[in-house]
């Protein structure tokens, strides 16, 4: 089972202005991984913002501008109007389960019962066009796990996701959205989303009002699996978003379980493939509880404690000195020559290049800002042509 490295250690942003933290993550070509690396190198969001244009210029991006302050102030106002709360990395309410992800979302908009994010979670995902048996199994698993003290997390999609959320409104459910926390997709789940906002918790890393696009759904899936101690797939085709969630879970060091299905049913082909490849077979809630049950306890609502603050960590080693542009260009060429469209582990890249790790890591950040490389969960990197 794969295990990702933790985000680059850096001080928590509790002393930072939330506007600065949001401006950094909303700035062009700054993703979650880059946000954490910039925070680690510069020590604060304000310092990272001041350095960002120069970093971009060194990467060959001219006339770079950071996210305007008016955009972020509007986002904060829209969040308040939506009745949502902003939780930044380092906030005591930030889900501890996400802190070991290299691409942990720096900011979360949350609507509903924030205390649910401090409880043990199990992800329940599956097909949108689920069979009646699949829906029954999803409900049985969700109800059993909920009664045992687990919060069920899923993606608010139709089918298995919706059934799992509906079954655990009374015991605890978290819906991670691909768009803004106030944008319900699909629209048919609007009533369910309203119930989750009242009794459970809606979560999104995106600004309120954002209409989800195709690329946002895999990003959402990494949060679904990252929040969870285990991911259970009920029904899934051979190519489906549920399998992306399962792969994310393996990369993140989470357990993956699957409900078997008939070999002739295409909706079961993905689950059967997962079991063939080593996922644990699920017959009922007890099979899941045997994996996480030693850590699952009941959490009476009045006794839910706030999430402890993540302790600041020290960046290992000194920040490397600035290199001449010609040296950086040479390193860029070496990195790009080694990378292709297929993902390569960052550790392997460093070994192949025989360069100091700090040098490679710093230039990877530059190339990511330039839009020439892409980071995927699990410490994987590929070239963007």
Protein backbone atom coordinates (compact mmCIF):
# COMPACT_ATOMS: atom_id res chain seq x y z
CA UNK A 1 0.00 0.00 0.00
CA UNK A 2 1.37 3.39 -0.98
CA UNK A 3 2.04 6.15 1.50
CA UNK A 4 2.51 9.79 0.62
CA UNK A 5 4.91 12.11 2.37
CA UNK A 6 3.53 14.89 4.51
CA UNK A 7 3.34 18.46 3.22
CA UNK A 8 6.55 20.44 3.52
CA UNK A 9 6.54 21.54 7.18
CA UNK A 10 5.86 25.21 7.71
CA UNK A 11 4.43 27.46 10.40
CA UNK A 12 0.69 27.47 10.72
CA UNK A 13 -1.01 30.56 9.26
CA UNK A 14 -2.95 31.37 12.43
CA UNK A 15 -1.05 34.63 12.79
CA UNK A 16 -1.43 35.44 9.11
CA UNK A 17 -4.16 37.61 7.69
CA UNK A 18 -6.76 35.24 6.13
CA UNK A 19 -6.83 37.60 3.16
CA UNK A 20 -3.14 36.95 2.51
CA UNK A 21 -3.58 33.18 2.84
CA UNK A 22 -6.44 33.21 0.37
CA UNK A 23 -4.68 35.54 -2.05
CA UNK A 24 -1.75 33.12 -2.16
CA UNK A 25 -3.80 30.01 -2.96
CA UNK A 26 -6.04 31.91 -5.41
CA UNK A 27 -3.08 33.32 -7.33
CA UNK A 28 -2.42 32.00 -10.81
CA UNK A 29 -0.50 28.69 -11.00
CA UNK A 30 -0.34 28.29 -7.23
CA UNK A 31 -1.78 24.91 -6.33
CA UNK A 32 -1.94 23.26 -2.92
CA UNK A 33 1.55 21.72 -3.13
CA UNK A 34 3.10 25.00 -4.25
CA UNK A 35 1.23 26.88 -1.49
CA UNK A 36 2.76 24.65 1.19
CA UNK A 37 6.24 24.94 -0.30
CA UNK A 38 6.03 28.73 -0.55
CA UNK A 39 4.82 28.94 3.05
CA UNK A 40 7.67 26.69 4.18
CA UNK A 41 10.29 28.72 2.34
CA UNK A 42 9.04 32.21 3.24
CA UNK A 43 7.48 31.60 6.64
CA UNK A 44 4.25 33.52 6.13
CA UNK A 45 1.62 34.18 3.49
CA UNK A 46 2.52 37.87 3.35
CA UNK A 47 6.19 37.09 2.67
CA UNK A 48 5.26 34.46 0.08
CA UNK A 49 3.04 36.96 -1.71
CA UNK A 50 5.86 39.50 -1.86
CA UNK A 51 8.21 36.89 -3.32
CA UNK A 52 5.75 35.36 -5.78
CA UNK A 53 6.25 37.81 -8.70
CA UNK A 54 10.01 37.33 -8.48
CA UNK A 55 9.65 33.57 -8.35
CA UNK A 56 7.42 33.71 -11.41
CA UNK A 57 9.85 35.99 -13.23
CA UNK A 58 12.71 33.58 -12.54
CA UNK A 59 10.53 30.91 -14.15
CA UNK A 60 10.17 33.05 -17.25
CA UNK A 61 6.65 34.29 -16.52
CA UNK A 62 6.61 38.03 -17.11
CA UNK A 63 4.02 40.52 -15.87
CA UNK A 64 2.86 38.08 -13.21
CA UNK A 65 0.24 39.49 -10.87
CA UNK A 66 -1.02 37.94 -7.66
CA UNK A 67 -4.70 37.56 -6.91
CA UNK A 68 -6.24 41.03 -6.33
CA UNK A 69 -7.30 41.74 -2.78
CA UNK A 70 -10.80 42.71 -3.99
CA UNK A 71 -11.33 39.17 -5.32
CA UNK A 72 -10.56 37.63 -1.95
CA UNK A 73 -12.67 40.14 -0.04
CA UNK A 74 -15.59 39.24 -2.30
CA UNK A 75 -14.96 35.54 -1.61
CA UNK A 76 -15.07 36.18 2.14
CA UNK A 77 -18.29 38.16 1.76
CA UNK A 78 -19.86 35.46 -0.42
CA UNK A 79 -18.90 32.83 2.13
CA UNK A 80 -20.59 34.76 4.92
CA UNK A 81 -23.72 35.20 2.80
CA UNK A 82 -23.75 31.44 2.14
CA UNK A 83 -23.58 30.77 5.89
CA UNK A 84 -20.22 29.01 5.55
CA UNK A 85 -17.10 29.17 7.70
CA UNK A 86 -13.54 29.48 6.40
CA UNK A 87 -11.06 27.03 7.90
CA UNK A 88 -7.41 27.60 7.01
CA UNK A 89 -4.50 25.20 7.34
CA UNK A 90 -3.34 25.33 10.96
CA UNK A 91 -6.74 26.31 12.36
CA UNK A 92 -7.64 24.08 15.36
CA UNK A 93 -10.76 23.06 13.42
CA UNK A 94 -8.78 21.95 10.35
CA UNK A 95 -9.28 18.17 9.84
CA UNK A 96 -6.29 16.37 11.29
CA UNK A 97 -6.80 13.56 8.78
CA UNK A 98 -5.83 15.89 5.92
CA UNK A 99 -2.58 17.11 7.44
CA UNK A 100 -0.53 14.18 6.11
CA UNK A 101 -1.42 14.91 2.47
CA UNK A 102 1.24 16.59 0.32
CA UNK A 103 -1.57 18.42 -1.47
CA UNK A 104 -3.70 19.18 1.58
CA UNK A 105 -6.12 22.01 0.74
CA UNK A 106 -4.85 25.24 2.35
CA UNK A 107 -8.41 26.55 2.75
CA UNK A 108 -11.76 24.87 3.30
CA UNK A 109 -15.22 26.41 3.21
CA UNK A 110 -17.46 24.48 5.59
CA UNK A 111 -21.20 24.73 6.07
CA UNK A 112 -22.87 22.85 8.90
CA UNK A 113 -21.53 20.97 11.91
CA UNK A 114 -17.76 21.58 11.87
CA UNK A 115 -17.24 19.20 14.83
CA UNK A 116 -17.92 16.25 12.51
CA UNK A 117 -14.52 16.88 10.92
CA UNK A 118 -12.84 15.85 14.19
CA UNK A 119 -14.53 12.44 14.27
CA UNK A 120 -13.38 9.18 12.62
CA UNK A 121 -14.60 8.97 9.03
CA UNK A 122 -15.14 6.24 6.46
CA UNK A 123 -15.69 7.09 2.80
CA UNK A 124 -18.51 5.31 0.99
CA UNK A 125 -18.46 5.83 -2.78
CA UNK A 126 -19.81 4.15 -5.88
CA UNK A 127 -21.74 4.29 -9.12
CA UNK A 128 -24.10 7.11 -10.04
CA UNK A 129 -26.33 4.66 -11.95
CA UNK A 130 -26.37 2.22 -9.05
CA UNK A 131 -28.50 -0.89 -9.03
CA UNK A 132 -31.24 -1.41 -6.44
CA UNK A 133 -29.03 -4.01 -4.73
CA UNK A 134 -26.14 -1.55 -4.71
CA UNK A 135 -28.29 1.14 -3.10
CA UNK A 136 -29.52 -1.32 -0.48
CA UNK A 137 -25.95 -2.36 0.30
CA UNK A 138 -24.84 1.27 0.54
CA UNK A 139 -27.63 2.03 2.99
CA UNK A 140 -26.88 -1.06 5.07
CA UNK A 141 -23.18 -0.23 5.28
CA UNK A 142 -23.78 3.46 6.02
CA UNK A 143 -26.32 2.80 8.75
CA UNK A 144 -24.15 0.13 10.39
CA UNK A 145 -21.01 2.23 10.33
CA UNK A 146 -22.89 5.30 11.53
CA UNK A 147 -24.32 3.41 14.49
CA UNK A 148 -20.78 2.27 15.35
CA UNK A 149 -19.58 5.87 15.60
CA UNK A 150 -18.21 6.53 12.12
CA UNK A 151 -18.99 9.66 10.13
CA UNK A 152 -19.70 8.78 6.51
CA UNK A 153 -18.01 10.97 3.91
CA UNK A 154 -18.87 10.99 0.21
CA UNK A 155 -19.12 13.27 -2.80
CA UNK A 156 -22.83 14.23 -2.96
CA UNK A 157 -23.21 12.56 -6.38
CA UNK A 158 -26.38 10.73 -7.35
CA UNK A 159 -26.57 7.02 -6.68
CA UNK A 160 -24.37 5.46 -3.99
CA UNK A 161 -23.11 8.81 -2.64
CA UNK A 162 -26.62 10.21 -2.12
CA UNK A 163 -27.84 6.98 -0.52
CA UNK A 164 -24.92 6.97 1.93
CA UNK A 165 -25.51 10.61 2.90
CA UNK A 166 -29.26 10.08 3.32
CA UNK A 167 -28.73 7.05 5.54
CA UNK A 168 -26.42 8.89 7.94
CA UNK A 169 -28.07 12.27 8.42
CA UNK A 170 -28.83 11.28 12.00
CA UNK A 171 -25.41 9.81 12.84
CA UNK A 172 -23.06 12.10 10.93
CA UNK A 173 -22.32 12.69 7.27
CA UNK A 174 -19.85 14.92 5.38
CA UNK A 175 -20.32 15.85 1.72
CA UNK A 176 -17.25 17.08 -0.17
CA UNK A 177 -18.24 19.21 -3.15
CA UNK A 178 -16.44 19.74 -6.44
CA UNK A 179 -17.69 23.33 -6.76
CA UNK A 180 -18.42 26.07 -4.27
CA UNK A 181 -20.01 25.08 -0.99
CA UNK A 182 -23.15 26.93 -2.07
CA UNK A 183 -23.32 25.33 -5.55
CA UNK A 184 -25.19 22.04 -5.50
CA UNK A 185 -24.37 19.51 -8.18
CA UNK A 186 -26.34 17.63 -9.31
CA UNK A 187 -29.34 19.89 -8.78
CA UNK A 188 -31.54 16.90 -7.91
CA UNK A 189 -29.62 16.65 -4.62
CA UNK A 190 -30.48 20.20 -3.56
CA UNK A 191 -32.90 19.06 -0.84
CA UNK A 192 -30.40 16.48 0.43
CA UNK A 193 -27.67 19.13 0.51
CA UNK A 194 -29.91 21.40 2.57
CA UNK A 195 -30.46 18.57 5.06
CA UNK A 196 -26.72 17.90 5.22
CA UNK A 197 -26.05 21.60 5.88
CA UNK A 198 -28.54 21.43 8.77
CA UNK A 199 -27.57 18.05 10.28
CA UNK A 200 -24.20 17.21 8.74
CA UNK A 201 -21.43 19.11 7.02
CA UNK A 202 -20.74 20.43 3.50
CA UNK A 203 -17.09 20.98 2.55
CA UNK A 204 -15.33 22.58 -0.43
CA UNK A 205 -11.81 23.84 -1.08
CA UNK A 206 -13.10 26.22 -3.75
CA UNK A 207 -14.52 29.71 -3.43
CA UNK A 208 -18.29 30.06 -2.98
CA UNK A 209 -20.16 30.36 -6.25
CA UNK A 210 -17.70 28.28 -8.29
CA UNK A 211 -19.46 26.09 -10.86
CA UNK A 212 -17.75 22.67 -10.88
CA UNK A 213 -15.87 21.61 -13.98
CA UNK A 214 -14.52 18.19 -14.94
CA UNK A 215 -11.07 18.80 -13.45
CA UNK A 216 -12.56 19.64 -10.05
CA UNK A 217 -13.98 16.18 -9.41
CA UNK A 218 -10.64 14.32 -9.10
CA UNK A 219 -9.49 17.13 -6.79
CA UNK A 220 -12.60 16.58 -4.68
CA UNK A 221 -11.96 12.82 -4.59
CA UNK A 222 -8.56 13.24 -2.93
CA UNK A 223 -10.28 15.10 -0.07
CA UNK A 224 -12.94 12.40 0.26
CA UNK A 225 -10.27 9.72 0.66
CA UNK A 226 -7.95 11.96 2.65
CA UNK A 227 -10.56 12.63 5.32
CA UNK A 228 -11.19 8.91 5.73
CA UNK A 229 -9.56 6.06 7.58
CA UNK A 230 -10.84 3.69 4.89
CA UNK A 231 -12.58 3.94 1.52
CA UNK A 232 -15.37 1.48 0.68
CA UNK A 233 -16.42 1.14 -2.97
CA UNK A 234 -19.91 -0.33 -3.40
CA UNK A 235 -20.38 -0.33 -7.18
CA UNK A 236 -17.99 1.04 -9.79
CA UNK A 237 -17.36 0.49 -13.47
CA UNK A 238 -13.88 -0.30 -14.73
CA UNK A 239 -13.39 3.42 -15.47
CA UNK A 240 -15.03 5.57 -12.87
CA UNK A 241 -14.41 8.35 -10.43
CA UNK A 242 -14.78 5.88 -7.57
CA UNK A 243 -11.62 4.11 -8.73
CA UNK A 244 -9.81 7.46 -8.73
CA UNK A 245 -10.86 7.83 -5.10
CA UNK A 246 -9.60 4.30 -4.38
CA UNK A 247 -6.24 5.03 -6.01
CA UNK A 248 -5.97 8.25 -4.03
CA UNK A 249 -6.67 6.27 -0.87
CA UNK A 250 -3.84 3.85 -1.62
CA UNK A 251 -1.46 6.75 -2.30
CA UNK A 252 -2.52 8.33 0.98
CA UNK A 253 -2.01 5.16 3.01
CA UNK A 254 -5.71 4.52 3.61
CA UNK A 255 -7.35 1.09 3.48
CA UNK A 256 -9.43 0.25 0.42
CA UNK A 257 -12.38 -2.12 0.61
CA UNK A 258 -14.88 -3.17 -2.06
CA UNK A 259 -18.21 -4.95 -2.33
CA UNK A 260 -18.01 -7.79 -4.89
CA UNK A 261 -20.54 -8.09 -7.70
CA UNK A 262 -21.57 -10.41 -10.48
CA UNK A 263 -18.89 -10.72 -13.20
CA UNK A 264 -21.50 -9.96 -15.89
CA UNK A 265 -22.55 -6.66 -14.26
CA UNK A 266 -20.46 -3.79 -15.63
CA UNK A 267 -21.27 -1.77 -12.52
CA UNK A 268 -19.34 -4.33 -10.46
CA UNK A 269 -16.29 -4.64 -12.72
CA UNK A 270 -14.34 -1.93 -10.90
CA UNK A 271 -15.01 -3.44 -7.48
CA UNK A 272 -14.04 -6.91 -8.67
CA UNK A 273 -10.81 -5.49 -10.11
CA UNK A 274 -10.02 -3.82 -6.78
CA UNK A 275 -10.55 -7.08 -4.91
CA UNK A 276 -8.39 -8.95 -7.43
CA UNK A 277 -5.65 -6.39 -6.84
CA UNK A 278 -5.75 -6.69 -3.06
CA UNK A 279 -8.68 -4.62 -1.76
CA UNK A 280 -10.49 -6.17 1.19
CA UNK A 281 -13.80 -7.82 0.37
CA UNK A 282 -16.84 -6.35 2.13
CA UNK A 283 -19.94 -8.37 3.04
CA UNK A 284 -21.33 -6.01 5.64
CA UNK A 285 -20.47 -3.28 8.16
CA UNK A 286 -18.53 -5.69 10.37
CA UNK A 287 -15.93 -6.25 7.66
CA UNK A 288 -15.23 -2.52 7.63
CA UNK A 289 -15.24 -2.25 11.41
CA UNK A 290 -12.64 -5.02 11.62
CA UNK A 291 -10.32 -2.66 9.73
CA UNK A 292 -11.07 0.56 11.63
CA UNK A 293 -13.07 -0.78 14.55
CA UNK A 294 -10.24 -0.68 17.04
CA UNK A 295 -10.18 3.07 16.66
CA UNK A 296 -13.90 3.71 16.30
CA UNK A 297 -15.85 4.88 19.34
CA UNK A 298 -19.15 6.62 19.81
CA UNK A 299 -18.97 10.41 20.00
CA UNK A 300 -21.99 11.89 21.82
CA UNK A 301 -22.63 15.27 20.27
CA UNK A 302 -22.11 17.21 23.50
CA UNK A 303 -18.74 15.55 24.10
CA UNK A 304 -17.09 16.30 20.76
CA UNK A 305 -13.85 18.11 21.55
CA UNK A 306 -12.35 20.73 19.26
CA UNK A 307 -9.56 19.56 16.97
CA UNK A 308 -6.16 20.25 18.58
CA UNK A 309 -3.99 22.73 16.78
CA UNK A 310 -1.33 21.25 14.55
CA UNK A 311 2.05 22.01 16.03
CA UNK A 312 4.34 24.16 13.89
CA UNK A 313 7.23 22.25 12.42
CA UNK A 314 10.67 23.46 11.46
CA UNK A 315 11.70 23.41 7.83
CA UNK A 316 14.48 20.78 7.62
CA UNK A 317 17.77 22.35 6.62
CA UNK A 318 18.57 25.88 5.48
CA UNK A 319 16.80 27.45 2.53
CA UNK A 320 19.21 27.14 -0.42
CA UNK A 321 20.86 30.30 -1.70
CA UNK A 322 19.57 31.83 -4.90
CA UNK A 323 21.23 30.45 -8.03
CA UNK A 324 22.10 32.34 -11.21
CA UNK A 325 19.44 32.19 -13.90
CA UNK A 326 21.77 30.23 -16.19
CA UNK A 327 22.20 27.54 -13.52
CA UNK A 328 18.46 27.36 -12.96
CA UNK A 329 17.83 27.05 -16.69
CA UNK A 330 20.27 24.15 -16.84
CA UNK A 331 18.51 22.39 -13.98
CA UNK A 332 15.15 23.01 -15.66
CA UNK A 333 16.42 21.37 -18.83
CA UNK A 334 17.68 18.35 -16.91
CA UNK A 335 14.38 17.97 -15.06
CA UNK A 336 12.26 18.30 -18.19
CA UNK A 337 14.49 15.87 -20.07
CA UNK A 338 13.81 13.22 -17.41
CA UNK A 339 10.06 13.79 -17.25
CA UNK A 340 7.42 12.71 -19.72
CA UNK A 341 3.62 12.41 -19.80
CA UNK A 342 3.75 9.36 -17.49
CA UNK A 343 4.10 10.29 -13.80
CA UNK A 344 7.47 9.76 -12.12
CA UNK A 345 8.10 9.70 -8.37
CA UNK A 346 9.84 12.84 -7.12
CA UNK A 347 12.32 10.75 -5.10
CA UNK A 348 13.24 8.79 -8.23
CA UNK A 349 13.73 12.00 -10.20
CA UNK A 350 16.12 13.32 -7.55
CA UNK A 351 18.10 10.06 -7.64
CA UNK A 352 18.24 10.09 -11.44
CA UNK A 353 19.52 13.66 -11.59
CA UNK A 354 22.19 13.18 -8.89
CA UNK A 355 21.61 16.77 -7.77
CA UNK A 356 21.08 18.09 -4.22
CA UNK A 357 17.43 17.45 -3.26
CA UNK A 358 16.94 21.09 -2.22
CA UNK A 359 18.00 22.24 -5.68
CA UNK A 360 15.59 19.91 -7.47
CA UNK A 361 12.70 20.69 -5.14
CA UNK A 362 13.15 24.46 -5.51
CA UNK A 363 13.22 24.27 -9.31
CA UNK A 364 10.21 21.96 -9.41
CA UNK A 365 8.24 24.71 -7.67
CA UNK A 366 9.38 27.14 -10.36
CA UNK A 367 8.42 24.75 -13.17
CA UNK A 368 5.03 24.17 -11.54
CA UNK A 369 4.39 27.91 -11.39
CA UNK A 370 5.42 28.12 -15.02
CA UNK A 371 2.86 25.44 -15.88
CA UNK A 372 5.44 23.03 -17.31
CA UNK A 373 5.09 20.22 -14.76
CA UNK A 374 2.13 18.81 -12.85
CA UNK A 375 2.10 17.26 -9.42
CA UNK A 376 -0.23 14.35 -8.72
CA UNK A 377 -1.06 12.76 -5.35
CA UNK A 378 1.54 10.29 -4.14
CA UNK A 379 4.57 12.47 -4.88
CA UNK A 380 4.27 11.87 -8.64
CA UNK A 381 5.29 14.42 -11.27
CA UNK A 382 4.78 14.53 -15.02
CA UNK A 383 5.73 16.94 -17.77
CA UNK A 384 3.10 19.13 -19.44
CA UNK A 385 3.88 19.60 -23.14
